[in-house]
Amino acid sequence: MEKSSGDEKNIIFTCEADVNLYNMVHLTYGKTTSMNVAFNSFVSGWNLDNDELLP
């Protein structure tokens, strides 16, 4: 996963992976780790807001 852009409120990361091999992921940034979230061709990204990841 690579950081592609961001501002003071948001950081956007991109990645490429085979959704046939992986259907759930969790994200780690510094000391923060997310809950497990869906990783598939229907979800284009997640937004972290008040410690919740939203599609």
PDB file of N, CA and C in Angstrom:
ATOM      1  N   MET A   1       0.850  -1.159   0.000  1.00  0.00           N
ATOM      2  CA  MET A   1       0.000   0.000   0.000  1.00  0.00           C
ATOM      3  C   MET A   1       0.899   1.224   0.000  1.00  0.00           C
ATOM      4  N   GLU A   2       0.552   2.200  -0.798  1.00  0.00           N
ATOM      5  CA  GLU A   2       1.340   3.419  -0.912  1.00  0.00           C
ATOM      6  C   GLU A   2       0.472   4.640  -0.677  1.00  0.00           C
ATOM      7  N   LYS A   3       1.046   5.634   0.006  1.00  0.00           N
ATOM      8  CA  LYS A   3       0.350   6.897   0.199  1.00  0.00           C
ATOM      9  C   LYS A   3       0.321   7.617  -1.143  1.00  0.00           C
ATOM     10  N   SER A   4      -0.880   8.004  -1.589  1.00  0.00           N
ATOM     11  CA  SER A   4      -0.981   8.674  -2.883  1.00  0.00           C
ATOM     12  C   SER A   4      -1.254  10.170  -2.748  1.00  0.00           C
ATOM     13  N   SER A   5      -1.951  10.584  -1.698  1.00  0.00           N
ATOM     14  CA  SER A   5      -2.219  12.005  -1.475  1.00  0.00           C
ATOM     15  C   SER A   5      -2.753  12.191  -0.065  1.00  0.00           C
ATOM     16  N   GLY A   6      -3.002  13.427   0.300  1.00  0.00           N
ATOM     17  CA  GLY A   6      -3.557  13.691   1.615  1.00  0.00           C
ATOM     18  C   GLY A   6      -3.561  15.162   1.941  1.00  0.00           C
ATOM     19  N   ASP A   7      -4.271  15.495   3.010  1.00  0.00           N
ATOM     20  CA  ASP A   7      -4.286  16.846   3.541  1.00  0.00           C
ATOM     21  C   ASP A   7      -4.326  16.741   5.056  1.00  0.00           C
ATOM     22  N   GLU A   8      -4.693  17.836   5.742  1.00  0.00           N
ATOM     23  CA  GLU A   8      -4.678  17.811   7.204  1.00  0.00           C
ATOM     24  C   GLU A   8      -5.741  16.887   7.805  1.00  0.00           C
ATOM     25  N   LYS A   9      -6.758  16.508   7.033  1.00  0.00           N
ATOM     26  CA  LYS A   9      -7.825  15.645   7.552  1.00  0.00           C
ATOM     27  C   LYS A   9      -7.786  14.238   6.991  1.00  0.00           C
ATOM     28  N   ASN A  10      -7.253  14.061   5.799  1.00  0.00           N
ATOM     29  CA  ASN A  10      -7.344  12.773   5.123  1.00  0.00           C
ATOM     30  C   ASN A  10      -5.998  12.345   4.554  1.00  0.00           C
ATOM     31  N   ILE A  11      -5.787  11.052   4.554  1.00  0.00           N
ATOM     32  CA  ILE A  11      -4.643  10.456   3.868  1.00  0.00           C
ATOM     33  C   ILE A  11      -5.197   9.381   2.947  1.00  0.00           C
ATOM     34  N   ILE A  12      -4.839   9.431   1.673  1.00  0.00           N
ATOM     35  CA  ILE A  12      -5.340   8.467   0.709  1.00  0.00           C
ATOM     36  C   ILE A  12      -4.213   7.519   0.332  1.00  0.00           C
ATOM     37  N   PHE A  13      -4.485   6.230   0.481  1.00  0.00           N
ATOM     38  CA  PHE A  13      -3.546   5.185   0.119  1.00  0.00           C
ATOM     39  C   PHE A  13      -4.114   4.394  -1.049  1.00  0.00           C
ATOM     40  N   THR A  14      -3.259   3.834  -1.851  1.00  0.00           N
ATOM     41  CA  THR A  14      -3.695   2.963  -2.934  1.00  0.00           C
ATOM     42  C   THR A  14      -2.941   1.641  -2.842  1.00  0.00           C
ATOM     43  N   CYS A  15      -3.545   0.608  -3.395  1.00  0.00           N
ATOM     44  CA  CYS A  15      -2.874  -0.688  -3.441  1.00  0.00           C
ATOM     45  C   CYS A  15      -3.473  -1.508  -4.575  1.00  0.00           C
ATOM     46  N   GLU A  16      -2.740  -2.510  -4.967  1.00  0.00           N
ATOM     47  CA  GLU A  16      -3.236  -3.465  -5.941  1.00  0.00           C
ATOM     48  C   GLU A  16      -3.061  -4.854  -5.348  1.00  0.00           C
ATOM     49  N   ALA A  17      -4.112  -5.632  -5.391  1.00  0.00           N
ATOM     50  CA  ALA A  17      -4.062  -7.002  -4.891  1.00  0.00           C
ATOM     51  C   ALA A  17      -5.160  -7.790  -5.574  1.00  0.00           C
ATOM     52  N   ASP A  18      -5.010  -9.078  -5.594  1.00  0.00           N
ATOM     53  CA  ASP A  18      -5.990  -9.961  -6.209  1.00  0.00           C
ATOM     54  C   ASP A  18      -7.148 -10.180  -5.243  1.00  0.00           C
ATOM     55  N   VAL A  19      -8.332  -9.627  -5.574  1.00  0.00           N
ATOM     56  CA  VAL A  19      -9.492  -9.773  -4.689  1.00  0.00           C
ATOM     57  C   VAL A  19      -9.995 -11.210  -4.636  1.00  0.00           C
ATOM     58  N   ASN A  20      -9.503 -12.068  -5.521  1.00  0.00           N
ATOM     59  CA  ASN A  20      -9.852 -13.483  -5.439  1.00  0.00           C
ATOM     60  C   ASN A  20      -9.055 -14.194  -4.348  1.00  0.00           C
ATOM     61  N   LEU A  21      -7.942 -13.600  -3.934  1.00  0.00           N
ATOM     62  CA  LEU A  21      -7.117 -14.188  -2.879  1.00  0.00           C
ATOM     63  C   LEU A  21      -7.413 -13.597  -1.511  1.00  0.00           C
ATOM     64  N   TYR A  22      -7.796 -12.322  -1.468  1.00  0.00           N
ATOM     65  CA  TYR A  22      -8.022 -11.617  -0.203  1.00  0.00           C
ATOM     66  C   TYR A  22      -9.401 -11.001  -0.218  1.00  0.00           C
ATOM     67  N   ASN A  23     -10.200 -11.243   0.840  1.00  0.00           N
ATOM     68  CA  ASN A  23     -11.522 -10.616   0.895  1.00  0.00           C
ATOM     69  C   ASN A  23     -11.708  -9.762   2.143  1.00  0.00           C
ATOM     70  N   MET A  24     -10.753  -9.835   3.067  1.00  0.00           N
ATOM     71  CA  MET A  24     -10.790  -8.994   4.261  1.00  0.00           C
ATOM     72  C   MET A  24      -9.384  -8.469   4.512  1.00  0.00           C
ATOM     73  N   VAL A  25      -9.290  -7.244   4.989  1.00  0.00           N
ATOM     74  CA  VAL A  25      -7.998  -6.645   5.318  1.00  0.00           C
ATOM     75  C   VAL A  25      -8.147  -5.838   6.601  1.00  0.00           C
ATOM     76  N   HIS A  26      -7.025  -5.522   7.223  1.00  0.00           N
ATOM     77  CA  HIS A  26      -7.015  -4.494   8.258  1.00  0.00           C
ATOM     78  C   HIS A  26      -5.850  -3.567   7.948  1.00  0.00           C
ATOM     79  N   LEU A  27      -6.000  -2.334   8.337  1.00  0.00           N
ATOM     80  CA  LEU A  27      -5.028  -1.308   8.023  1.00  0.00           C
ATOM     81  C   LEU A  27      -4.276  -0.911   9.277  1.00  0.00           C
ATOM     82  N   THR A  28      -2.985  -0.687   9.151  1.00  0.00           N
ATOM     83  CA  THR A  28      -2.163  -0.230  10.258  1.00  0.00           C
ATOM     84  C   THR A  28      -1.435   1.030   9.817  1.00  0.00           C
ATOM     85  N   TYR A  29      -1.566   2.089  10.605  1.00  0.00           N
ATOM     86  CA  TYR A  29      -0.889   3.345  10.322  1.00  0.00           C
ATOM     87  C   TYR A  29      -0.311   3.850  11.630  1.00  0.00           C
ATOM     88  N   GLY A  30       1.000   3.792  11.756  1.00  0.00           N
ATOM     89  CA  GLY A  30       1.627   4.143  13.029  1.00  0.00           C
ATOM     90  C   GLY A  30       1.203   3.138  14.090  1.00  0.00           C
ATOM     91  N   LYS A  31       0.655   3.631  15.181  1.00  0.00           N
ATOM     92  CA  LYS A  31       0.185   2.755  16.260  1.00  0.00           C
ATOM     93  C   LYS A  31      -1.298   2.421  16.135  1.00  0.00           C
ATOM     94  N   THR A  32      -1.952   2.930  15.086  1.00  0.00           N
ATOM     95  CA  THR A  32      -3.388   2.714  14.892  1.00  0.00           C
ATOM     96  C   THR A  32      -3.620   1.539  13.961  1.00  0.00           C
ATOM     97  N   THR A  33      -4.469   0.603  14.375  1.00  0.00           N
ATOM     98  CA  THR A  33      -4.861  -0.536  13.548  1.00  0.00           C
ATOM     99  C   THR A  33      -6.370  -0.558  13.440  1.00  0.00           C
ATOM    100  N   SER A  34      -6.867  -0.766  12.230  1.00  0.00           N
ATOM    101  CA  SER A  34      -8.310  -0.755  12.011  1.00  0.00           C
ATOM    102  C   SER A  34      -8.928  -2.106  12.343  1.00  0.00           C
ATOM    103  N   MET A  35     -10.254  -2.121  12.320  1.00  0.00           N
ATOM    104  CA  MET A  35     -10.998  -3.373  12.361  1.00  0.00           C
ATOM    105  C   MET A  35     -10.825  -4.068  11.007  1.00  0.00           C
ATOM    106  N   ASN A  36     -11.202  -5.310  10.903  1.00  0.00           N
ATOM    107  CA  ASN A  36     -11.193  -5.997   9.614  1.00  0.00           C
ATOM    108  C   ASN A  36     -12.296  -5.417   8.743  1.00  0.00           C
ATOM    109  N   VAL A  37     -11.964  -5.123   7.493  1.00  0.00           N
ATOM    110  CA  VAL A  37     -12.937  -4.538   6.582  1.00  0.00           C
ATOM    111  C   VAL A  37     -12.938  -5.317   5.273  1.00  0.00           C
ATOM    112  N   ALA A  38     -14.020  -5.164   4.521  1.00  0.00           N
ATOM    113  CA  ALA A  38     -14.148  -5.857   3.239  1.00  0.00           C
ATOM    114  C   ALA A  38     -13.115  -5.345   2.248  1.00  0.00           C
ATOM    115  N   PHE A  39     -12.577  -6.249   1.473  1.00  0.00           N
ATOM    116  CA  PHE A  39     -11.632  -5.912   0.410  1.00  0.00           C
ATOM    117  C   PHE A  39     -12.104  -6.656  -0.819  1.00  0.00           C
ATOM    118  N   ASN A  40     -12.789  -5.936  -1.706  1.00  0.00           N
ATOM    119  CA  ASN A  40     -13.310  -6.576  -2.910  1.00  0.00           C
ATOM    120  C   ASN A  40     -13.468  -5.550  -4.015  1.00  0.00           C
ATOM    121  N   SER A  41     -13.889  -5.977  -5.167  1.00  0.00           N
ATOM    122  CA  SER A  41     -13.991  -5.079  -6.317  1.00  0.00           C
ATOM    123  C   SER A  41     -15.157  -4.104  -6.210  1.00  0.00           C
ATOM    124  N   PHE A  42     -16.053  -4.269  -5.227  1.00  0.00           N
ATOM    125  CA  PHE A  42     -17.198  -3.377  -5.067  1.00  0.00           C
ATOM    126  C   PHE A  42     -16.890  -2.185  -4.163  1.00  0.00           C
ATOM    127  N   VAL A  43     -15.874  -2.312  -3.311  1.00  0.00           N
ATOM    128  CA  VAL A  43     -15.503  -1.251  -2.378  1.00  0.00           C
ATOM    129  C   VAL A  43     -14.282  -0.534  -2.936  1.00  0.00           C
ATOM    130  N   SER A  44     -14.433   0.755  -3.227  1.00  0.00           N
ATOM    131  CA  SER A  44     -13.310   1.491  -3.829  1.00  0.00           C
ATOM    132  C   SER A  44     -12.419   2.140  -2.793  1.00  0.00           C
ATOM    133  N   GLY A  45     -12.866   2.224  -1.537  1.00  0.00           N
ATOM    134  CA  GLY A  45     -12.028   2.822  -0.508  1.00  0.00           C
ATOM    135  C   GLY A  45     -12.765   2.950   0.805  1.00  0.00           C
ATOM    136  N   TRP A  46     -12.024   3.344   1.832  1.00  0.00           N
ATOM    137  CA  TRP A  46     -12.566   3.488   3.173  1.00  0.00           C
ATOM    138  C   TRP A  46     -12.166   4.834   3.732  1.00  0.00           C
ATOM    139  N   ASN A  47     -13.031   5.437   4.532  1.00  0.00           N
ATOM    140  CA  ASN A  47     -12.763   6.705   5.180  1.00  0.00           C
ATOM    141  C   ASN A  47     -12.797   6.498   6.685  1.00  0.00           C
ATOM    142  N   LEU A  48     -11.721   6.872   7.383  1.00  0.00           N
ATOM    143  CA  LEU A  48     -11.676   6.772   8.840  1.00  0.00           C
ATOM    144  C   LEU A  48     -12.258   8.046   9.425  1.00  0.00           C
ATOM    145  N   ASP A  49     -13.366   7.928  10.160  1.00  0.00           N
ATOM    146  CA  ASP A  49     -14.024   9.082  10.757  1.00  0.00           C
ATOM    147  C   ASP A  49     -14.460   8.723  12.164  1.00  0.00           C
ATOM    148  N   ASN A  50     -13.969   9.436  13.156  1.00  0.00           N
ATOM    149  CA  ASN A  50     -14.280   9.158  14.566  1.00  0.00           C
ATOM    150  C   ASN A  50     -14.025   7.698  14.913  1.00  0.00           C
ATOM    151  N   ASP A  51     -12.855   7.201  14.509  1.00  0.00           N
ATOM    152  CA  ASP A  51     -12.420   5.826  14.782  1.00  0.00           C
ATOM    153  C   ASP A  51     -13.315   4.776  14.143  1.00  0.00           C
ATOM    154  N   GLU A  52     -14.095   5.125  13.105  1.00  0.00           N
ATOM    155  CA  GLU A  52     -14.885   4.163  12.348  1.00  0.00           C
ATOM    156  C   GLU A  52     -14.449   4.219  10.899  1.00  0.00           C
ATOM    157  N   LEU A  53     -14.303   3.054  10.287  1.00  0.00           N
ATOM    158  CA  LEU A  53     -14.004   2.994   8.857  1.00  0.00           C
ATOM    159  C   LEU A  53     -15.305   2.889   8.095  1.00  0.00           C
ATOM    160  N   LEU A  54     -15.522   3.817   7.180  1.00  0.00           N
ATOM    161  CA  LEU A  54     -16.743   3.834   6.390  1.00  0.00           C
ATOM    162  C   LEU A  54     -16.397   3.724   4.912  1.00  0.00           C
ATOM    163  N   PRO A  55     -17.165   2.930   4.140  1.00  0.00           N
ATOM    164  CA  PRO A  55     -16.858   2.800   2.697  1.00  0.00           C
ATOM    165  C   PRO A  55     -17.146   4.089   1.933  1.00  0.00           C
TER     166      PRO A  55
END
